[in-house]
């Protein structure tokens, strides 16, 4: 099994930046992809960014050019650098680990973008 825990959420003004971190523990050698998702109030959860164990990244079109996903070794920890934040980025951000044994989610960390 794998456990993932997020940190770094908070409140920021529009145009500001936040850096989220996701730490995985347990059978981390089974991890194949790490990802960030978000769910805004009243909306479905959506993909924000992914990074594979080979370091290949994918970003949602809505965050390209402003968000960056990175990792020291493409697995753990995984960071989401969010720049130029907009009010519509307000959501609970969750870390996801896709492993050879299944999918694991963190509890989420809230991000609020408001003036």
N, C-alpha and C. Protein backbone atom coordinates (compact mmCIF):
# COMPACT_ATOMS: atom_id res chain seq x y z
N UNK A 1 0.83 -1.20 0.00
CA UNK A 1 0.00 0.00 0.00
C UNK A 1 0.86 1.24 0.00
N UNK A 2 0.25 2.32 -0.43
CA UNK A 2 0.93 3.62 -0.48
C UNK A 2 0.06 4.64 0.22
N UNK A 3 0.68 5.50 0.98
CA UNK A 3 -0.02 6.62 1.61
C UNK A 3 0.53 7.91 1.00
N UNK A 4 -0.37 8.84 0.73
CA UNK A 4 0.05 10.14 0.20
C UNK A 4 -0.57 11.24 1.05
N UNK A 5 0.22 12.27 1.30
CA UNK A 5 -0.24 13.39 2.11
C UNK A 5 0.19 14.70 1.45
N UNK A 6 -0.76 15.61 1.33
CA UNK A 6 -0.48 16.89 0.71
C UNK A 6 -0.20 17.95 1.78
N UNK A 7 0.51 18.98 1.36
CA UNK A 7 0.73 20.14 2.21
C UNK A 7 0.96 21.36 1.32
N UNK A 8 0.84 22.53 1.91
CA UNK A 8 1.15 23.77 1.20
C UNK A 8 -0.04 24.58 0.75
N UNK A 9 -1.24 24.09 0.99
CA UNK A 9 -2.41 24.88 0.60
C UNK A 9 -2.58 26.10 1.48
N UNK A 10 -3.49 26.96 1.08
CA UNK A 10 -3.74 28.17 1.86
C UNK A 10 -4.51 29.19 1.05
N UNK A 11 -4.47 30.42 1.53
CA UNK A 11 -5.17 31.51 0.87
C UNK A 11 -4.18 32.45 0.22
N UNK A 12 -4.52 32.93 -0.95
CA UNK A 12 -3.63 33.83 -1.68
C UNK A 12 -4.49 34.77 -2.52
N UNK A 13 -3.95 35.92 -2.81
CA UNK A 13 -4.65 36.89 -3.65
C UNK A 13 -4.47 36.52 -5.12
N UNK A 14 -5.38 36.96 -5.96
CA UNK A 14 -5.22 36.71 -7.40
C UNK A 14 -3.87 37.21 -7.89
N UNK A 15 -3.25 36.39 -8.73
CA UNK A 15 -1.92 36.70 -9.23
C UNK A 15 -0.80 36.15 -8.37
N UNK A 16 -1.14 35.65 -7.20
CA UNK A 16 -0.14 35.12 -6.28
C UNK A 16 0.29 33.71 -6.62
N UNK A 17 1.15 33.18 -5.77
CA UNK A 17 1.73 31.85 -6.00
C UNK A 17 1.61 30.99 -4.76
N UNK A 18 1.53 29.70 -4.99
CA UNK A 18 1.59 28.71 -3.92
C UNK A 18 2.35 27.49 -4.44
N UNK A 19 2.97 26.79 -3.52
CA UNK A 19 3.66 25.56 -3.88
C UNK A 19 3.10 24.43 -3.02
N UNK A 20 2.49 23.47 -3.68
CA UNK A 20 1.96 22.30 -2.99
C UNK A 20 2.97 21.17 -3.03
N UNK A 21 2.98 20.39 -1.95
CA UNK A 21 3.86 19.23 -1.88
C UNK A 21 3.04 17.99 -1.61
N UNK A 22 3.49 16.89 -2.17
CA UNK A 22 2.85 15.59 -1.93
C UNK A 22 3.93 14.60 -1.54
N UNK A 23 3.79 14.04 -0.36
CA UNK A 23 4.75 13.06 0.14
C UNK A 23 4.11 11.69 0.15
N UNK A 24 4.79 10.73 -0.44
CA UNK A 24 4.30 9.36 -0.47
C UNK A 24 5.12 8.50 0.47
N UNK A 25 4.48 7.51 1.05
CA UNK A 25 5.17 6.56 1.92
C UNK A 25 4.59 5.17 1.70
N UNK A 26 5.27 4.19 2.24
CA UNK A 26 4.84 2.82 2.02
C UNK A 26 5.59 2.21 0.86
N UNK A 27 4.89 1.48 0.02
CA UNK A 27 5.51 0.79 -1.11
C UNK A 27 5.68 1.74 -2.30
N UNK A 28 6.56 2.74 -2.14
CA UNK A 28 6.71 3.77 -3.17
C UNK A 28 7.33 3.20 -4.44
N UNK A 29 7.95 2.06 -4.36
CA UNK A 29 8.55 1.47 -5.56
C UNK A 29 7.47 0.98 -6.53
N UNK A 30 6.23 0.89 -6.05
CA UNK A 30 5.14 0.46 -6.92
C UNK A 30 4.49 1.63 -7.67
N UNK A 31 4.91 2.86 -7.34
CA UNK A 31 4.32 4.05 -7.97
C UNK A 31 4.76 4.15 -9.42
N UNK A 32 3.81 4.45 -10.29
CA UNK A 32 4.10 4.64 -11.72
C UNK A 32 3.80 6.07 -12.17
N UNK A 33 2.77 6.67 -11.61
CA UNK A 33 2.40 8.04 -11.97
C UNK A 33 1.92 8.75 -10.70
N UNK A 34 2.35 10.00 -10.56
CA UNK A 34 1.84 10.85 -9.49
C UNK A 34 1.10 12.01 -10.14
N UNK A 35 0.00 12.39 -9.52
CA UNK A 35 -0.78 13.45 -10.13
C UNK A 35 -1.44 14.36 -9.11
N UNK A 36 -1.78 15.54 -9.58
CA UNK A 36 -2.56 16.50 -8.80
C UNK A 36 -3.91 16.68 -9.47
N UNK A 37 -4.94 16.63 -8.67
CA UNK A 37 -6.30 16.88 -9.12
C UNK A 37 -6.90 17.95 -8.22
N UNK A 38 -7.97 18.56 -8.70
CA UNK A 38 -8.65 19.55 -7.86
C UNK A 38 -10.15 19.43 -8.04
N UNK A 39 -10.85 19.79 -6.99
CA UNK A 39 -12.31 19.81 -7.05
C UNK A 39 -12.80 21.10 -6.43
N UNK A 40 -13.41 21.91 -7.28
CA UNK A 40 -13.97 23.16 -6.82
C UNK A 40 -15.38 22.92 -6.28
N UNK A 41 -15.88 23.81 -5.44
CA UNK A 41 -17.22 23.63 -4.89
C UNK A 41 -18.27 23.48 -5.98
N UNK A 42 -19.05 22.43 -5.89
CA UNK A 42 -20.12 22.22 -6.85
C UNK A 42 -19.68 21.69 -8.20
N UNK A 43 -18.41 21.35 -8.34
CA UNK A 43 -17.90 20.87 -9.61
C UNK A 43 -17.26 19.49 -9.46
N UNK A 44 -17.06 18.85 -10.59
CA UNK A 44 -16.41 17.54 -10.59
C UNK A 44 -14.90 17.71 -10.43
N UNK A 45 -14.29 16.67 -9.92
CA UNK A 45 -12.84 16.67 -9.80
C UNK A 45 -12.22 16.66 -11.19
N UNK A 46 -11.13 17.44 -11.33
CA UNK A 46 -10.46 17.51 -12.63
C UNK A 46 -8.96 17.36 -12.46
N UNK A 47 -8.35 16.86 -13.52
CA UNK A 47 -6.90 16.70 -13.53
C UNK A 47 -6.22 18.06 -13.67
N UNK A 48 -5.16 18.25 -12.88
CA UNK A 48 -4.35 19.46 -12.98
C UNK A 48 -3.01 19.14 -13.64
N UNK A 49 -2.32 18.11 -13.12
CA UNK A 49 -1.00 17.78 -13.65
C UNK A 49 -0.62 16.36 -13.26
N UNK A 50 0.22 15.76 -14.14
CA UNK A 50 0.73 14.41 -13.89
C UNK A 50 2.23 14.39 -14.12
N UNK A 51 2.91 13.46 -13.42
CA UNK A 51 4.31 13.20 -13.71
C UNK A 51 4.52 11.69 -13.60
N UNK A 52 5.17 11.12 -14.62
CA UNK A 52 5.42 9.69 -14.60
C UNK A 52 6.79 9.40 -13.96
N UNK A 53 7.05 8.14 -13.73
CA UNK A 53 8.33 7.77 -13.11
C UNK A 53 9.50 8.08 -14.05
N UNK A 54 9.20 8.34 -15.32
CA UNK A 54 10.24 8.71 -16.27
C UNK A 54 10.41 10.22 -16.37
N UNK A 55 9.63 10.93 -15.56
CA UNK A 55 9.74 12.38 -15.56
C UNK A 55 8.89 13.08 -16.61
N UNK A 56 8.08 12.34 -17.31
CA UNK A 56 7.22 12.96 -18.32
C UNK A 56 6.04 13.63 -17.62
N UNK A 57 5.76 14.85 -18.03
CA UNK A 57 4.71 15.62 -17.37
C UNK A 57 3.55 15.93 -18.31
N UNK A 58 2.39 16.09 -17.73
CA UNK A 58 1.19 16.50 -18.43
C UNK A 58 0.51 17.58 -17.60
N UNK A 59 0.09 18.64 -18.27
CA UNK A 59 -0.61 19.72 -17.58
C UNK A 59 -1.95 19.98 -18.26
N UNK A 60 -2.95 20.29 -17.45
CA UNK A 60 -4.24 20.69 -18.01
C UNK A 60 -4.07 21.98 -18.80
N UNK A 61 -4.82 22.12 -19.87
CA UNK A 61 -4.70 23.32 -20.71
C UNK A 61 -4.93 24.60 -19.91
N UNK A 62 -5.80 24.52 -18.92
CA UNK A 62 -6.16 25.71 -18.17
C UNK A 62 -5.03 26.22 -17.28
N UNK A 63 -4.00 25.41 -17.05
CA UNK A 63 -2.92 25.83 -16.16
C UNK A 63 -1.57 25.90 -16.86
N UNK A 64 -1.51 25.52 -18.12
CA UNK A 64 -0.25 25.56 -18.85
C UNK A 64 0.33 26.97 -18.86
N UNK A 65 1.63 27.02 -18.61
CA UNK A 65 2.31 28.31 -18.59
C UNK A 65 2.31 28.97 -17.22
N UNK A 66 1.49 28.45 -16.31
CA UNK A 66 1.42 29.03 -14.96
C UNK A 66 1.74 28.02 -13.87
N UNK A 67 1.39 26.77 -14.08
CA UNK A 67 1.65 25.71 -13.10
C UNK A 67 2.78 24.82 -13.60
N UNK A 68 3.53 24.27 -12.66
CA UNK A 68 4.59 23.32 -12.98
C UNK A 68 4.54 22.17 -11.99
N UNK A 69 4.65 20.95 -12.50
CA UNK A 69 4.75 19.78 -11.64
C UNK A 69 6.17 19.26 -11.71
N UNK A 70 6.73 18.90 -10.57
CA UNK A 70 8.11 18.44 -10.55
C UNK A 70 8.32 17.47 -9.40
N UNK A 71 9.45 16.79 -9.48
CA UNK A 71 9.80 15.85 -8.42
C UNK A 71 11.30 15.61 -8.47
N UNK A 72 11.88 15.34 -7.32
CA UNK A 72 13.31 15.08 -7.29
C UNK A 72 13.66 13.81 -8.04
N UNK A 73 12.78 12.83 -7.99
CA UNK A 73 13.07 11.57 -8.66
C UNK A 73 11.85 11.04 -9.38
N UNK A 74 10.98 11.93 -9.79
CA UNK A 74 9.75 11.61 -10.52
C UNK A 74 8.77 10.79 -9.70
N UNK A 75 8.99 10.66 -8.43
CA UNK A 75 8.07 9.91 -7.59
C UNK A 75 7.75 10.63 -6.29
N UNK A 76 8.78 11.01 -5.55
CA UNK A 76 8.53 11.43 -4.19
C UNK A 76 9.63 12.33 -3.66
N UNK A 77 9.32 13.47 -3.10
CA UNK A 77 8.00 14.10 -3.13
C UNK A 77 7.72 14.74 -4.49
N UNK A 78 6.47 15.07 -4.69
CA UNK A 78 6.03 15.72 -5.92
C UNK A 78 5.52 17.11 -5.57
N UNK A 79 5.91 18.09 -6.36
CA UNK A 79 5.56 19.48 -6.10
C UNK A 79 4.66 20.01 -7.22
N UNK A 80 3.78 20.89 -6.83
CA UNK A 80 2.98 21.63 -7.80
C UNK A 80 3.19 23.11 -7.53
N UNK A 81 3.95 23.74 -8.39
CA UNK A 81 4.18 25.18 -8.28
C UNK A 81 3.09 25.89 -9.06
N UNK A 82 2.35 26.73 -8.37
CA UNK A 82 1.22 27.42 -8.99
C UNK A 82 1.49 28.91 -8.96
N UNK A 83 1.66 29.49 -10.14
CA UNK A 83 1.88 30.92 -10.28
C UNK A 83 0.69 31.56 -11.00
N UNK A 84 0.57 32.85 -10.85
CA UNK A 84 -0.52 33.54 -11.53
C UNK A 84 -1.88 32.99 -11.19
N UNK A 85 -2.09 32.74 -9.92
CA UNK A 85 -3.35 32.09 -9.51
C UNK A 85 -4.56 32.98 -9.78
N UNK A 86 -5.62 32.34 -10.22
CA UNK A 86 -6.87 33.02 -10.51
C UNK A 86 -7.95 32.55 -9.53
N UNK A 87 -8.98 33.33 -9.33
CA UNK A 87 -10.04 32.91 -8.40
C UNK A 87 -10.64 31.54 -8.74
N UNK A 88 -10.69 31.22 -10.02
CA UNK A 88 -11.25 29.92 -10.41
C UNK A 88 -10.38 28.75 -10.04
N UNK A 89 -9.20 29.01 -9.53
CA UNK A 89 -8.33 27.94 -9.04
C UNK A 89 -8.70 27.51 -7.62
N UNK A 90 -9.63 28.22 -7.01
CA UNK A 90 -10.08 27.86 -5.68
C UNK A 90 -10.69 26.46 -5.69
N UNK A 91 -10.11 25.58 -4.88
CA UNK A 91 -10.53 24.18 -4.88
C UNK A 91 -9.77 23.42 -3.80
N UNK A 92 -10.18 22.20 -3.60
CA UNK A 92 -9.38 21.28 -2.79
C UNK A 92 -8.48 20.51 -3.75
N UNK A 93 -7.19 20.57 -3.50
CA UNK A 93 -6.21 19.92 -4.36
C UNK A 93 -5.78 18.60 -3.72
N UNK A 94 -5.89 17.55 -4.50
CA UNK A 94 -5.58 16.22 -3.98
C UNK A 94 -4.46 15.58 -4.79
N UNK A 95 -3.61 14.87 -4.07
CA UNK A 95 -2.53 14.13 -4.70
C UNK A 95 -2.97 12.69 -4.95
N UNK A 96 -2.59 12.16 -6.08
CA UNK A 96 -2.98 10.81 -6.47
C UNK A 96 -1.74 10.03 -6.87
N UNK A 97 -1.68 8.79 -6.43
CA UNK A 97 -0.60 7.88 -6.82
C UNK A 97 -1.19 6.68 -7.54
N UNK A 98 -0.76 6.50 -8.77
CA UNK A 98 -1.16 5.32 -9.53
C UNK A 98 -0.03 4.30 -9.39
N UNK A 99 -0.36 3.16 -8.80
CA UNK A 99 0.67 2.16 -8.54
C UNK A 99 0.33 0.85 -9.22
N UNK A 100 1.23 -0.06 -9.16
CA UNK A 100 0.98 -1.39 -9.73
C UNK A 100 -0.07 -2.14 -8.93
N UNK A 101 -0.37 -1.65 -7.73
CA UNK A 101 -1.34 -2.32 -6.87
C UNK A 101 -2.65 -1.57 -6.70
N UNK A 102 -2.78 -0.46 -7.38
CA UNK A 102 -4.02 0.30 -7.27
C UNK A 102 -3.78 1.79 -7.18
N UNK A 103 -4.85 2.51 -6.95
CA UNK A 103 -4.81 3.97 -6.87
C UNK A 103 -4.96 4.43 -5.43
N UNK A 104 -4.21 5.47 -5.08
CA UNK A 104 -4.25 6.00 -3.72
C UNK A 104 -4.38 7.51 -3.77
N UNK A 105 -5.19 8.02 -2.84
CA UNK A 105 -5.46 9.46 -2.78
C UNK A 105 -5.09 10.02 -1.42
N UNK A 106 -4.62 11.26 -1.43
CA UNK A 106 -4.41 11.97 -0.19
C UNK A 106 -5.71 12.61 0.26
N UNK A 107 -5.73 13.17 1.47
CA UNK A 107 -6.95 13.79 2.00
C UNK A 107 -7.27 15.13 1.35
N UNK A 108 -6.28 15.73 0.69
CA UNK A 108 -6.51 17.00 0.03
C UNK A 108 -6.06 18.18 0.86
N UNK A 109 -5.74 19.26 0.16
CA UNK A 109 -5.37 20.51 0.81
C UNK A 109 -6.11 21.65 0.11
N UNK A 110 -6.76 22.52 0.87
CA UNK A 110 -7.56 23.57 0.24
C UNK A 110 -6.72 24.75 -0.24
N UNK A 111 -7.10 25.27 -1.37
CA UNK A 111 -6.50 26.48 -1.93
C UNK A 111 -7.62 27.47 -2.19
N UNK A 112 -7.44 28.67 -1.68
CA UNK A 112 -8.43 29.73 -1.88
C UNK A 112 -7.74 30.93 -2.51
N UNK A 113 -8.26 31.37 -3.64
CA UNK A 113 -7.72 32.53 -4.34
C UNK A 113 -8.79 33.61 -4.32
N UNK A 114 -8.51 34.63 -3.55
CA UNK A 114 -9.52 35.68 -3.36
C UNK A 114 -8.86 36.97 -2.94
N UNK A 115 -9.47 38.06 -3.36
CA UNK A 115 -8.97 39.37 -2.94
C UNK A 115 -9.69 39.83 -1.69
